[in-house]
Amino acid sequence: MHKLARGSEKIVNQDPKQINQAALMASVVGQVGCLIVVIIGLALGAGMALDKFLGTRAIFTVLLMVGSVPVALYITVRLSLTAVARQSALQPQDSNDSEEEIDV
């Protein structure tokens, strides 16, 4: 017989909605992490290239690195809001449960 690994019974018995929410949150965290690394890498590369081309001493590197922080924060917020909106759209609206009619 096939034995389940220790702790896998919890995963099998979880509600599919919880698993979907956890997967969505994990994908958002992964996207945000990768995009922040890409943004910082691009700012560093562009700053170093500009400094080398113009013969300056790391002024553009510093400026672009500092400027990449608000861009990374903006993208983080936008991705998070998009994920929340996507999750809200996937959840069915049960308006009948929240509003009960009372016959008098």
N, C-alpha and C. Protein backbone atom coordinates (compact mmCIF):
# COMPACT_ATOMS: atom_id res chain seq x y z
N MET A 1 0.83 -1.19 0.00
CA MET A 1 0.00 0.00 0.00
C MET A 1 0.87 1.24 0.00
N HIS A 2 0.30 2.27 -0.56
CA HIS A 2 1.00 3.55 -0.62
C HIS A 2 0.72 4.34 0.65
N LYS A 3 1.79 4.72 1.33
CA LYS A 3 1.62 5.52 2.54
C LYS A 3 1.81 6.99 2.19
N LEU A 4 0.99 7.83 2.81
CA LEU A 4 1.14 9.26 2.63
C LEU A 4 2.27 9.77 3.51
N ALA A 5 2.97 10.75 3.02
CA ALA A 5 4.05 11.35 3.79
C ALA A 5 3.47 12.05 5.01
N ARG A 6 4.29 12.17 6.02
CA ARG A 6 3.85 12.82 7.24
C ARG A 6 3.45 14.27 6.93
N GLY A 7 2.28 14.67 7.35
CA GLY A 7 1.78 16.01 7.11
C GLY A 7 0.98 16.15 5.84
N SER A 8 1.04 15.18 4.94
CA SER A 8 0.30 15.31 3.69
C SER A 8 -1.19 15.07 3.88
N GLU A 9 -1.58 14.42 4.99
CA GLU A 9 -3.01 14.23 5.25
C GLU A 9 -3.69 15.58 5.42
N LYS A 10 -2.97 16.55 5.98
CA LYS A 10 -3.54 17.88 6.17
C LYS A 10 -3.82 18.54 4.83
N ILE A 11 -2.93 18.36 3.88
CA ILE A 11 -3.11 18.97 2.57
C ILE A 11 -4.28 18.32 1.84
N VAL A 12 -4.40 17.01 1.94
CA VAL A 12 -5.46 16.28 1.25
C VAL A 12 -6.82 16.67 1.82
N ASN A 13 -6.91 16.91 3.11
CA ASN A 13 -8.18 17.18 3.76
C ASN A 13 -8.55 18.66 3.76
N GLN A 14 -7.72 19.54 3.21
CA GLN A 14 -8.04 20.96 3.21
C GLN A 14 -9.09 21.29 2.17
N ASP A 15 -9.79 22.38 2.44
CA ASP A 15 -10.79 22.88 1.53
C ASP A 15 -10.12 23.39 0.26
N PRO A 16 -10.64 23.09 -0.91
CA PRO A 16 -10.03 23.56 -2.16
C PRO A 16 -9.93 25.09 -2.25
N LYS A 17 -10.87 25.80 -1.62
CA LYS A 17 -10.81 27.26 -1.62
C LYS A 17 -9.55 27.76 -0.89
N GLN A 18 -9.23 27.10 0.22
CA GLN A 18 -8.04 27.49 0.97
C GLN A 18 -6.78 27.20 0.17
N ILE A 19 -6.77 26.08 -0.52
CA ILE A 19 -5.61 25.73 -1.34
C ILE A 19 -5.44 26.74 -2.47
N ASN A 20 -6.55 27.14 -3.11
CA ASN A 20 -6.49 28.13 -4.18
C ASN A 20 -6.00 29.47 -3.67
N GLN A 21 -6.47 29.88 -2.49
CA GLN A 21 -6.03 31.14 -1.91
C GLN A 21 -4.54 31.11 -1.59
N ALA A 22 -4.09 30.00 -1.05
CA ALA A 22 -2.67 29.88 -0.73
C ALA A 22 -1.82 29.88 -2.00
N ALA A 23 -2.29 29.23 -3.04
CA ALA A 23 -1.55 29.21 -4.31
C ALA A 23 -1.52 30.60 -4.93
N LEU A 24 -2.62 31.33 -4.85
CA LEU A 24 -2.65 32.69 -5.38
C LEU A 24 -1.68 33.59 -4.62
N MET A 25 -1.67 33.48 -3.30
CA MET A 25 -0.76 34.31 -2.50
C MET A 25 0.69 33.95 -2.78
N ALA A 26 0.97 32.69 -2.95
CA ALA A 26 2.34 32.27 -3.26
C ALA A 26 2.77 32.80 -4.62
N SER A 27 1.86 32.80 -5.58
CA SER A 27 2.23 33.33 -6.91
C SER A 27 2.45 34.83 -6.86
N VAL A 28 1.67 35.54 -6.07
CA VAL A 28 1.85 37.00 -5.94
C VAL A 28 3.19 37.30 -5.30
N VAL A 29 3.53 36.58 -4.24
CA VAL A 29 4.81 36.79 -3.57
C VAL A 29 5.97 36.49 -4.53
N GLY A 30 5.85 35.44 -5.30
CA GLY A 30 6.90 35.10 -6.27
C GLY A 30 7.04 36.15 -7.35
N GLN A 31 5.91 36.65 -7.86
CA GLN A 31 5.95 37.68 -8.89
C GLN A 31 6.57 38.96 -8.37
N VAL A 32 6.16 39.37 -7.17
CA VAL A 32 6.69 40.59 -6.58
C VAL A 32 8.19 40.46 -6.35
N GLY A 33 8.62 39.35 -5.81
CA GLY A 33 10.04 39.15 -5.55
C GLY A 33 10.87 39.18 -6.82
N CYS A 34 10.40 38.51 -7.85
CA CYS A 34 11.14 38.50 -9.12
C CYS A 34 11.17 39.88 -9.76
N LEU A 35 10.05 40.58 -9.75
CA LEU A 35 10.01 41.90 -10.37
C LEU A 35 10.90 42.91 -9.63
N ILE A 36 10.96 42.82 -8.33
CA ILE A 36 11.82 43.73 -7.57
C ILE A 36 13.28 43.48 -7.94
N VAL A 37 13.67 42.23 -8.04
CA VAL A 37 15.05 41.91 -8.43
C VAL A 37 15.33 42.43 -9.84
N VAL A 38 14.38 42.27 -10.76
CA VAL A 38 14.57 42.74 -12.14
C VAL A 38 14.67 44.27 -12.17
N ILE A 39 13.80 44.95 -11.45
CA ILE A 39 13.82 46.42 -11.44
C ILE A 39 15.13 46.94 -10.88
N ILE A 40 15.57 46.38 -9.77
CA ILE A 40 16.83 46.83 -9.17
C ILE A 40 18.00 46.51 -10.09
N GLY A 41 17.99 45.35 -10.71
CA GLY A 41 19.06 44.98 -11.65
C GLY A 41 19.11 45.91 -12.85
N LEU A 42 17.94 46.25 -13.40
CA LEU A 42 17.89 47.19 -14.52
C LEU A 42 18.39 48.57 -14.12
N ALA A 43 17.98 49.03 -12.94
CA ALA A 43 18.44 50.34 -12.47
C ALA A 43 19.94 50.35 -12.26
N LEU A 44 20.46 49.28 -11.70
CA LEU A 44 21.91 49.19 -11.48
C LEU A 44 22.66 49.16 -12.81
N GLY A 45 22.21 48.33 -13.73
CA GLY A 45 22.87 48.22 -15.03
C GLY A 45 22.80 49.51 -15.83
N ALA A 46 21.62 50.13 -15.85
CA ALA A 46 21.46 51.38 -16.60
C ALA A 46 22.30 52.49 -15.97
N GLY A 47 22.31 52.55 -14.64
CA GLY A 47 23.11 53.57 -13.97
C GLY A 47 24.59 53.41 -14.21
N MET A 48 25.07 52.19 -14.14
CA MET A 48 26.49 51.94 -14.39
C MET A 48 26.85 52.25 -15.85
N ALA A 49 25.96 51.89 -16.77
CA ALA A 49 26.22 52.17 -18.19
C ALA A 49 26.25 53.67 -18.46
N LEU A 50 25.31 54.40 -17.87
CA LEU A 50 25.30 55.85 -18.05
C LEU A 50 26.55 56.49 -17.43
N ASP A 51 26.92 56.05 -16.25
CA ASP A 51 28.12 56.59 -15.61
C ASP A 51 29.37 56.32 -16.44
N LYS A 52 29.45 55.15 -17.00
CA LYS A 52 30.62 54.81 -17.82
C LYS A 52 30.61 55.63 -19.11
N PHE A 53 29.45 55.75 -19.73
CA PHE A 53 29.33 56.47 -21.00
C PHE A 53 29.64 57.97 -20.81
N LEU A 54 29.13 58.55 -19.73
CA LEU A 54 29.30 59.99 -19.50
C LEU A 54 30.56 60.32 -18.70
N GLY A 55 31.22 59.30 -18.17
CA GLY A 55 32.44 59.53 -17.40
C GLY A 55 32.20 60.12 -16.02
N THR A 56 31.03 59.89 -15.45
CA THR A 56 30.73 60.41 -14.11
C THR A 56 31.07 59.36 -13.07
N ARG A 57 31.07 59.77 -11.81
CA ARG A 57 31.45 58.87 -10.73
C ARG A 57 30.22 58.37 -9.97
N ALA A 58 29.50 57.44 -10.49
CA ALA A 58 28.38 56.72 -9.85
C ALA A 58 27.19 57.60 -9.50
N ILE A 59 27.08 58.78 -10.09
CA ILE A 59 25.93 59.63 -9.78
C ILE A 59 24.64 59.05 -10.37
N PHE A 60 24.70 58.56 -11.59
CA PHE A 60 23.50 57.99 -12.21
C PHE A 60 23.13 56.64 -11.59
N THR A 61 24.13 55.90 -11.16
CA THR A 61 23.86 54.63 -10.50
C THR A 61 23.08 54.86 -9.21
N VAL A 62 23.53 55.82 -8.43
CA VAL A 62 22.85 56.13 -7.16
C VAL A 62 21.45 56.67 -7.43
N LEU A 63 21.34 57.60 -8.38
CA LEU A 63 20.02 58.18 -8.68
C LEU A 63 19.03 57.13 -9.18
N LEU A 64 19.47 56.27 -10.06
CA LEU A 64 18.56 55.24 -10.57
C LEU A 64 18.22 54.19 -9.52
N MET A 65 19.17 53.87 -8.66
CA MET A 65 18.88 52.92 -7.58
C MET A 65 17.86 53.50 -6.60
N VAL A 66 18.04 54.77 -6.25
CA VAL A 66 17.07 55.42 -5.35
C VAL A 66 15.73 55.57 -6.06
N GLY A 67 15.74 55.89 -7.34
CA GLY A 67 14.50 56.02 -8.10
C GLY A 67 13.78 54.71 -8.32
N SER A 68 14.49 53.60 -8.23
CA SER A 68 13.84 52.30 -8.44
C SER A 68 12.99 51.88 -7.24
N VAL A 69 13.25 52.46 -6.08
CA VAL A 69 12.49 52.09 -4.88
C VAL A 69 11.01 52.44 -5.03
N PRO A 70 10.64 53.69 -5.39
CA PRO A 70 9.20 53.97 -5.56
C PRO A 70 8.56 53.15 -6.68
N VAL A 71 9.32 52.88 -7.72
CA VAL A 71 8.79 52.07 -8.82
C VAL A 71 8.49 50.66 -8.32
N ALA A 72 9.39 50.09 -7.55
CA ALA A 72 9.18 48.75 -7.00
C ALA A 72 8.00 48.73 -6.03
N LEU A 73 7.86 49.76 -5.22
CA LEU A 73 6.72 49.84 -4.30
C LEU A 73 5.41 49.95 -5.07
N TYR A 74 5.39 50.77 -6.11
CA TYR A 74 4.18 50.92 -6.92
C TYR A 74 3.78 49.59 -7.56
N ILE A 75 4.74 48.90 -8.13
CA ILE A 75 4.45 47.62 -8.77
C ILE A 75 3.98 46.60 -7.74
N THR A 76 4.56 46.62 -6.55
CA THR A 76 4.13 45.72 -5.49
C THR A 76 2.67 45.96 -5.13
N VAL A 77 2.29 47.21 -4.97
CA VAL A 77 0.90 47.55 -4.63
C VAL A 77 -0.04 47.16 -5.76
N ARG A 78 0.34 47.46 -7.01
CA ARG A 78 -0.52 47.12 -8.14
C ARG A 78 -0.72 45.61 -8.28
N LEU A 79 0.35 44.84 -8.12
CA LEU A 79 0.21 43.38 -8.20
C LEU A 79 -0.66 42.85 -7.07
N SER A 80 -0.51 43.39 -5.89
CA SER A 80 -1.31 42.95 -4.75
C SER A 80 -2.78 43.28 -4.95
N LEU A 81 -3.07 44.49 -5.41
CA LEU A 81 -4.47 44.86 -5.67
C LEU A 81 -5.08 44.03 -6.78
N THR A 82 -4.30 43.73 -7.80
CA THR A 82 -4.79 42.89 -8.88
C THR A 82 -5.11 41.48 -8.37
N ALA A 83 -4.26 40.96 -7.50
CA ALA A 83 -4.50 39.62 -6.95
C ALA A 83 -5.75 39.60 -6.08
N VAL A 84 -5.95 40.65 -5.29
CA VAL A 84 -7.15 40.72 -4.45
C VAL A 84 -8.40 40.82 -5.33
N ALA A 85 -8.33 41.63 -6.38
CA ALA A 85 -9.48 41.75 -7.29
C ALA A 85 -9.76 40.43 -7.99
N ARG A 86 -8.70 39.73 -8.41
CA ARG A 86 -8.87 38.44 -9.06
C ARG A 86 -9.49 37.43 -8.10
N GLN A 87 -9.05 37.44 -6.86
CA GLN A 87 -9.59 36.51 -5.87
C GLN A 87 -11.05 36.83 -5.58
N SER A 88 -11.39 38.12 -5.51
CA SER A 88 -12.77 38.51 -5.26
C SER A 88 -13.67 38.10 -6.43
N ALA A 89 -13.15 38.19 -7.63
CA ALA A 89 -13.94 37.81 -8.80
C ALA A 89 -14.16 36.30 -8.87
N LEU A 90 -13.21 35.53 -8.35
CA LEU A 90 -13.35 34.08 -8.39
C LEU A 90 -14.30 33.54 -7.34
N GLN A 91 -14.48 34.29 -6.24
CA GLN A 91 -15.37 33.82 -5.18
C GLN A 91 -16.81 34.14 -5.56
N PRO A 92 -17.68 33.14 -5.47
CA PRO A 92 -19.09 33.40 -5.80
C PRO A 92 -19.73 34.28 -4.74
N GLN A 93 -20.59 35.16 -5.19
CA GLN A 93 -21.31 36.05 -4.29
C GLN A 93 -22.58 35.35 -3.82
N ASP A 94 -22.71 35.13 -2.53
CA ASP A 94 -23.90 34.51 -1.96
C ASP A 94 -24.78 35.58 -1.35
N SER A 95 -25.52 36.28 -2.19
CA SER A 95 -26.37 37.37 -1.69
C SER A 95 -27.58 36.81 -0.95
N ASN A 96 -28.01 35.59 -1.26
CA ASN A 96 -29.16 35.01 -0.59
C ASN A 96 -28.86 34.69 0.86
N ASP A 97 -27.61 34.37 1.17
CA ASP A 97 -27.26 34.05 2.54
C ASP A 97 -27.20 35.27 3.43
N SER A 98 -26.81 36.41 2.89
CA SER A 98 -26.65 37.59 3.70
C SER A 98 -27.95 38.37 3.87
N GLU A 99 -28.86 38.26 2.92
CA GLU A 99 -30.12 38.97 3.00
C GLU A 99 -31.25 37.94 3.10
N GLU A 100 -31.94 37.96 4.23
CA GLU A 100 -33.04 37.04 4.40
C GLU A 100 -34.34 37.84 4.36
N GLU A 101 -35.31 37.32 3.63
CA GLU A 101 -36.59 37.98 3.57
C GLU A 101 -37.45 37.50 4.72
N ILE A 102 -38.14 38.45 5.31
CA ILE A 102 -39.02 38.13 6.43
C ILE A 102 -40.45 38.42 5.97
N ASP A 103 -41.29 37.39 5.98
CA ASP A 103 -42.70 37.56 5.61
C ASP A 103 -43.46 37.94 6.85
N VAL A 104 -44.20 39.04 6.76
CA VAL A 104 -44.97 39.51 7.90
C VAL A 104 -46.43 39.27 7.68
